[in-house]
C-alpha atoms as a PDB file:
ATOM      1  CA  UNK A   1      -0.847   2.394 -15.019  1.00  0.00           C
ATOM      2  CA  UNK A   2       1.907   3.163 -12.514  1.00  0.00           C
ATOM      3  CA  UNK A   3       3.611   0.921 -10.000  1.00  0.00           C
ATOM      4  CA  UNK A   4       6.459   0.748  -7.530  1.00  0.00           C
ATOM      5  CA  UNK A   5       8.047  -1.695  -5.089  1.00  0.00           C
ATOM      6  CA  UNK A   6       8.486  -1.017  -1.389  1.00  0.00           C
ATOM      7  CA  UNK A   7      10.510  -3.066   1.113  1.00  0.00           C
ATOM      8  CA  UNK A   8       9.021  -3.236   4.607  1.00  0.00           C
ATOM      9  CA  UNK A   9      11.686  -2.096   7.058  1.00  0.00           C
ATOM     10  CA  UNK A  10       9.738  -2.044  10.330  1.00  0.00           C
ATOM     11  CA  UNK A  11      10.792  -4.996  12.548  1.00  0.00           C
ATOM     12  CA  UNK A  12       7.119  -5.404  13.489  1.00  0.00           C
ATOM     13  CA  UNK A  13       6.157  -5.727   9.837  1.00  0.00           C
ATOM     14  CA  UNK A  14       3.242  -3.918   8.281  1.00  0.00           C
ATOM     15  CA  UNK A  15       1.034  -3.847  11.375  1.00  0.00           C
ATOM     16  CA  UNK A  16      -2.237  -2.023  12.111  1.00  0.00           C
ATOM     17  CA  UNK A  17      -0.912   1.533  12.397  1.00  0.00           C
ATOM     18  CA  UNK A  18       0.943   1.753   9.043  1.00  0.00           C
ATOM     19  CA  UNK A  19      -1.791  -0.233   7.294  1.00  0.00           C
ATOM     20  CA  UNK A  20      -4.412   2.176   8.634  1.00  0.00           C
ATOM     21  CA  UNK A  21      -2.432   5.258   7.564  1.00  0.00           C
ATOM     22  CA  UNK A  22      -1.969   3.823   4.083  1.00  0.00           C
ATOM     23  CA  UNK A  23      -5.650   2.878   3.805  1.00  0.00           C
ATOM     24  CA  UNK A  24      -6.810   6.329   4.940  1.00  0.00           C
ATOM     25  CA  UNK A  25      -4.689   8.021   2.265  1.00  0.00           C
ATOM     26  CA  UNK A  26      -5.563   5.510  -0.481  1.00  0.00           C
ATOM     27  CA  UNK A  27      -9.291   6.017  -0.106  1.00  0.00           C
ATOM     28  CA  UNK A  28      -8.887   9.727  -0.946  1.00  0.00           C
ATOM     29  CA  UNK A  29      -8.233   8.805  -4.594  1.00  0.00           C
ATOM     30  CA  UNK A  30     -10.512   7.541  -7.341  1.00  0.00           C
ATOM     31  CA  UNK A  31      -7.972   5.307  -9.091  1.00  0.00           C
ATOM     32  CA  UNK A  32      -7.710   1.618  -8.401  1.00  0.00           C
ATOM     33  CA  UNK A  33      -4.893   0.829  -5.960  1.00  0.00           C
ATOM     34  CA  UNK A  34      -3.742  -2.774  -5.704  1.00  0.00           C
ATOM     35  CA  UNK A  35      -1.135  -3.947  -3.212  1.00  0.00           C
ATOM     36  CA  UNK A  36       0.567  -7.295  -3.673  1.00  0.00           C
ATOM     37  CA  UNK A  37       2.782  -9.338  -1.358  1.00  0.00           C
ATOM     38  CA  UNK A  38       3.933 -12.938  -1.596  1.00  0.00           C
ATOM     39  CA  UNK A  39       1.727 -13.622  -4.629  1.00  0.00           C
ATOM     40  CA  UNK A  40      -1.489 -12.269  -3.117  1.00  0.00           C
ATOM     41  CA  UNK A  41      -3.054  -9.015  -4.324  1.00  0.00           C
ATOM     42  CA  UNK A  42      -5.581  -6.937  -2.387  1.00  0.00           C
ATOM     43  CA  UNK A  43      -7.457  -3.670  -2.784  1.00  0.00           C
ATOM     44  CA  UNK A  44      -5.457  -0.913  -1.059  1.00  0.00           C
ATOM     45  CA  UNK A  45      -8.731   0.751  -0.081  1.00  0.00           C
ATOM     46  CA  UNK A  46      -9.818  -2.266   1.992  1.00  0.00           C
ATOM     47  CA  UNK A  47      -8.192  -2.197   5.423  1.00  0.00           C
ATOM     48  CA  UNK A  48      -9.157  -5.753   6.388  1.00  0.00           C
ATOM     49  CA  UNK A  49      -7.807  -7.129   3.112  1.00  0.00           C
ATOM     50  CA  UNK A  50      -4.585  -5.182   3.597  1.00  0.00           C
ATOM     51  CA  UNK A  51      -4.184  -6.531   7.133  1.00  0.00           C
ATOM     52  CA  UNK A  52      -4.836 -10.072   5.896  1.00  0.00           C
ATOM     53  CA  UNK A  53      -1.549 -10.012   3.961  1.00  0.00           C
ATOM     54  CA  UNK A  54       0.339 -10.376   7.279  1.00  0.00           C
ATOM     55  CA  UNK A  55       3.373  -8.574   5.866  1.00  0.00           C
ATOM     56  CA  UNK A  56       6.672  -9.078   7.692  1.00  0.00           C
ATOM     57  CA  UNK A  57       9.921  -7.123   7.792  1.00  0.00           C
ATOM     58  CA  UNK A  58      11.943  -7.539   4.610  1.00  0.00           C
ATOM     59  CA  UNK A  59       8.991  -8.445   2.393  1.00  0.00           C
ATOM     60  CA  UNK A  60       8.465  -6.545  -0.829  1.00  0.00           C
ATOM     61  CA  UNK A  61       5.140  -4.875  -1.592  1.00  0.00           C
ATOM     62  CA  UNK A  62       4.111  -4.054  -5.144  1.00  0.00           C
ATOM     63  CA  UNK A  63       1.826  -1.040  -5.446  1.00  0.00           C
ATOM     64  CA  UNK A  64      -0.130  -0.685  -8.695  1.00  0.00           C
ATOM     65  CA  UNK A  65      -2.250   2.356  -9.579  1.00  0.00           C
ATOM     66  CA  UNK A  66      -4.704   2.594 -12.449  1.00  0.00           C
ATOM     67  CA  UNK A  67      -7.065   5.484 -13.124  1.00  0.00           C
ATOM     68  CA  UNK A  68      -7.443   9.191 -13.610  1.00  0.00           C
ATOM     69  CA  UNK A  69      -5.520  10.350 -10.528  1.00  0.00           C
ATOM     70  CA  UNK A  70      -2.949   7.543 -10.388  1.00  0.00           C
ATOM     71  CA  UNK A  71       0.070   9.851 -10.426  1.00  0.00           C
ATOM     72  CA  UNK A  72      -1.177  11.887  -7.470  1.00  0.00           C
ATOM     73  CA  UNK A  73      -2.096   8.724  -5.552  1.00  0.00           C
ATOM     74  CA  UNK A  74       1.345   7.231  -6.147  1.00  0.00           C
ATOM     75  CA  UNK A  75       3.067  10.357  -4.813  1.00  0.00           C
ATOM     76  CA  UNK A  76       0.787  10.524  -1.772  1.00  0.00           C
ATOM     77  CA  UNK A  77       1.289   6.873  -0.820  1.00  0.00           C
ATOM     78  CA  UNK A  78       5.058   7.188  -1.231  1.00  0.00           C
ATOM     79  CA  UNK A  79       4.945  10.104   1.223  1.00  0.00           C
ATOM     80  CA  UNK A  80       2.986   8.013   3.719  1.00  0.00           C
ATOM     81  CA  UNK A  81       5.431   5.123   3.377  1.00  0.00           C
ATOM     82  CA  UNK A  82       8.364   7.512   3.945  1.00  0.00           C
ATOM     83  CA  UNK A  83       6.808   8.512   7.293  1.00  0.00           C
ATOM     84  CA  UNK A  84       6.227   4.980   8.534  1.00  0.00           C
END
């Protein structure tokens, strides 16, 4: 299992565009990808669940990866987050 924390820096929060980019990349991997914010955890491969978190600027997201390609998934999602 691998995990990291990410602070949302966009003043608009984690809105549709970044959530969609993250979802599109996450679904390329077989491992389980959970994303947690404010005590709620959702499947990173479920766009509607991800959007339901209503993440605002300054909130911390915890990404957790578990499975055969978890290391590759972690690197790929970090790259996506760097571009948001």
